């Protein structure tokens, strides 16, 4: 039997983005935009994506990595204030293994140059399948993809 464990952690990342808060918020709320940037890298193939962006709506994303592993994101939106705040809960699976469960708050604040996006994640890392630095790195990659999306 596999040893079970839960490692509770949290982290905060901030990005200064050269776009108005409404435009940054739209990158999160528009299904086509979110589908473009939400995969971890360009080497994955998106096999399923749905986004019901409203309180108690859900998001599901299934991608296949270059090695054939299936990555599944399942989330539920808890609170949405347009152009200001998104709060959601989600879990991540790779193949049939749940890696983590999280609560995330994303804040959008206007700045003279655009938007300060603040991302706060409270995470339960499950059974030693992933570590915090791996998650922070992956989130940073996603933010680079958001920046590319905003440049379109």
Protein backbone atom coordinates (compact mmCIF):
# COMPACT_ATOMS: atom_id res chain seq x y z
CA UNK A 1 0.00 0.00 0.00
CA UNK A 2 1.23 3.51 -0.85
CA UNK A 3 2.06 5.77 2.10
CA UNK A 4 -0.37 8.67 2.27
CA UNK A 5 0.64 12.22 3.16
CA UNK A 6 -0.53 15.80 2.81
CA UNK A 7 1.92 18.70 2.69
CA UNK A 8 0.06 22.01 3.13
CA UNK A 9 1.87 24.94 1.51
CA UNK A 10 1.12 28.32 0.02
CA UNK A 11 2.81 30.71 -2.38
CA UNK A 12 2.22 34.11 -3.95
CA UNK A 13 3.37 35.26 -7.38
CA UNK A 14 2.98 38.74 -8.82
CA UNK A 15 3.30 39.93 -12.38
CA UNK A 16 3.23 43.42 -13.82
CA UNK A 17 1.35 43.20 -17.10
CA UNK A 18 1.18 45.84 -19.83
CA UNK A 19 -2.59 45.56 -20.26
CA UNK A 20 -5.61 47.08 -18.52
CA UNK A 21 -7.24 44.91 -15.79
CA UNK A 22 -10.30 44.28 -17.98
CA UNK A 23 -8.08 42.81 -20.69
CA UNK A 24 -6.14 40.63 -18.23
CA UNK A 25 -9.41 39.47 -16.65
CA UNK A 26 -10.71 38.58 -20.13
CA UNK A 27 -7.66 36.33 -20.68
CA UNK A 28 -8.92 34.31 -17.69
CA UNK A 29 -12.66 34.45 -18.48
CA UNK A 30 -12.83 34.00 -22.28
CA UNK A 31 -12.86 30.26 -23.13
CA UNK A 32 -10.82 30.57 -26.34
CA UNK A 33 -8.17 32.78 -24.73
CA UNK A 34 -7.91 30.55 -21.64
CA UNK A 35 -7.61 27.42 -23.76
CA UNK A 36 -4.66 28.98 -25.64
CA UNK A 37 -2.60 29.80 -22.55
CA UNK A 38 -3.72 27.26 -19.92
CA UNK A 39 -1.65 24.30 -21.17
CA UNK A 40 1.75 24.15 -19.49
CA UNK A 41 3.74 24.24 -22.72
CA UNK A 42 3.57 24.03 -26.49
CA UNK A 43 4.50 20.32 -26.45
CA UNK A 44 1.18 19.23 -24.95
CA UNK A 45 -1.91 18.32 -26.95
CA UNK A 46 -5.23 19.58 -25.61
CA UNK A 47 -7.77 16.75 -25.84
CA UNK A 48 -10.62 18.38 -23.89
CA UNK A 49 -11.38 21.85 -22.55
CA UNK A 50 -14.52 23.39 -21.09
CA UNK A 51 -14.98 26.66 -19.21
CA UNK A 52 -18.18 27.74 -17.47
CA UNK A 53 -16.87 31.01 -16.03
CA UNK A 54 -19.34 32.01 -13.34
CA UNK A 55 -19.65 31.43 -9.59
CA UNK A 56 -20.03 27.66 -9.09
CA UNK A 57 -19.19 27.11 -12.74
CA UNK A 58 -16.43 24.68 -13.63
CA UNK A 59 -13.35 24.34 -15.75
CA UNK A 60 -11.93 21.07 -17.05
CA UNK A 61 -8.77 20.76 -19.08
CA UNK A 62 -7.23 17.51 -20.26
CA UNK A 63 -3.89 17.58 -22.06
CA UNK A 64 -1.50 14.86 -23.14
CA UNK A 65 2.21 15.45 -22.71
CA UNK A 66 4.91 14.36 -25.16
CA UNK A 67 5.47 11.17 -23.14
CA UNK A 68 1.78 10.24 -23.32
CA UNK A 69 0.87 11.18 -19.74
CA UNK A 70 -2.64 12.61 -19.33
CA UNK A 71 -2.80 15.78 -17.22
CA UNK A 72 -6.27 16.63 -15.88
CA UNK A 73 -7.22 19.97 -14.28
CA UNK A 74 -10.68 20.10 -12.64
CA UNK A 75 -11.73 23.41 -11.09
CA UNK A 76 -14.74 25.19 -9.67
CA UNK A 77 -15.14 28.96 -9.51
CA UNK A 78 -16.23 30.20 -6.10
CA UNK A 79 -16.15 33.99 -6.40
CA UNK A 80 -15.78 36.33 -9.37
CA UNK A 81 -15.64 40.13 -9.31
CA UNK A 82 -15.14 41.30 -12.91
CA UNK A 83 -11.76 42.98 -13.54
CA UNK A 84 -10.83 42.64 -9.82
CA UNK A 85 -10.86 39.10 -8.40
CA UNK A 86 -11.25 35.39 -9.16
CA UNK A 87 -11.35 32.67 -6.49
CA UNK A 88 -11.40 29.02 -7.50
CA UNK A 89 -10.62 25.55 -6.18
CA UNK A 90 -9.03 22.84 -8.28
CA UNK A 91 -7.21 19.55 -8.31
CA UNK A 92 -4.65 18.11 -10.70
CA UNK A 93 -4.24 14.50 -11.79
CA UNK A 94 -1.54 12.90 -13.92
CA UNK A 95 -2.92 9.71 -15.37
CA UNK A 96 -4.87 8.21 -12.44
CA UNK A 97 -2.86 9.90 -9.67
CA UNK A 98 -4.19 13.01 -7.88
CA UNK A 99 -1.18 15.28 -7.27
CA UNK A 100 -2.79 18.13 -5.36
CA UNK A 101 -5.85 20.10 -4.35
CA UNK A 102 -5.76 23.90 -4.15
CA UNK A 103 -7.58 27.12 -3.40
CA UNK A 104 -6.50 30.09 -5.54
CA UNK A 105 -7.17 33.82 -5.39
CA UNK A 106 -6.20 35.96 -8.38
CA UNK A 107 -6.28 39.75 -7.91
CA UNK A 108 -6.10 42.37 -10.66
CA UNK A 109 -5.03 45.90 -9.62
CA UNK A 110 -4.61 48.81 -12.01
CA UNK A 111 -1.15 50.35 -12.29
CA UNK A 112 0.11 53.26 -14.40
CA UNK A 113 1.58 50.74 -16.88
CA UNK A 114 -1.34 48.27 -16.86
CA UNK A 115 -2.13 45.64 -14.21
CA UNK A 116 -0.51 44.04 -11.20
CA UNK A 117 -1.77 40.46 -11.17
CA UNK A 118 -1.35 38.74 -7.80
CA UNK A 119 -1.82 34.97 -7.62
CA UNK A 120 -2.13 33.34 -4.18
CA UNK A 121 -2.34 29.54 -4.00
CA UNK A 122 -3.01 27.45 -0.90
CA UNK A 123 -2.08 23.93 -1.89
CA UNK A 124 -2.33 20.45 -0.43
CA UNK A 125 0.42 18.39 -2.07
CA UNK A 126 -0.71 14.78 -1.90
CA UNK A 127 1.32 11.66 -1.19
CA UNK A 128 4.67 13.12 -2.24
CA UNK A 129 3.80 13.17 -5.95
CA UNK A 130 4.82 16.80 -6.48
CA UNK A 131 6.77 19.46 -4.61
CA UNK A 132 6.15 23.15 -4.11
CA UNK A 133 9.02 24.35 -6.31
CA UNK A 134 7.66 22.28 -9.20
CA UNK A 135 4.24 23.95 -8.83
CA UNK A 136 5.72 27.45 -8.54
CA UNK A 137 7.76 26.84 -11.70
CA UNK A 138 4.70 25.56 -13.60
CA UNK A 139 2.63 28.57 -12.52
CA UNK A 140 5.41 30.89 -13.70
CA UNK A 141 5.35 29.19 -17.11
CA UNK A 142 1.59 29.79 -17.28
CA UNK A 143 2.14 33.48 -16.52
CA UNK A 144 4.60 33.70 -19.42
CA UNK A 145 1.87 32.22 -21.62
CA UNK A 146 -0.64 34.82 -20.32
CA UNK A 147 1.83 37.55 -21.29
CA UNK A 148 2.05 36.07 -24.80
CA UNK A 149 -1.76 35.93 -24.96
CA UNK A 150 -1.99 39.61 -24.02
CA UNK A 151 0.50 40.48 -26.77
CA UNK A 152 -1.82 39.06 -29.48
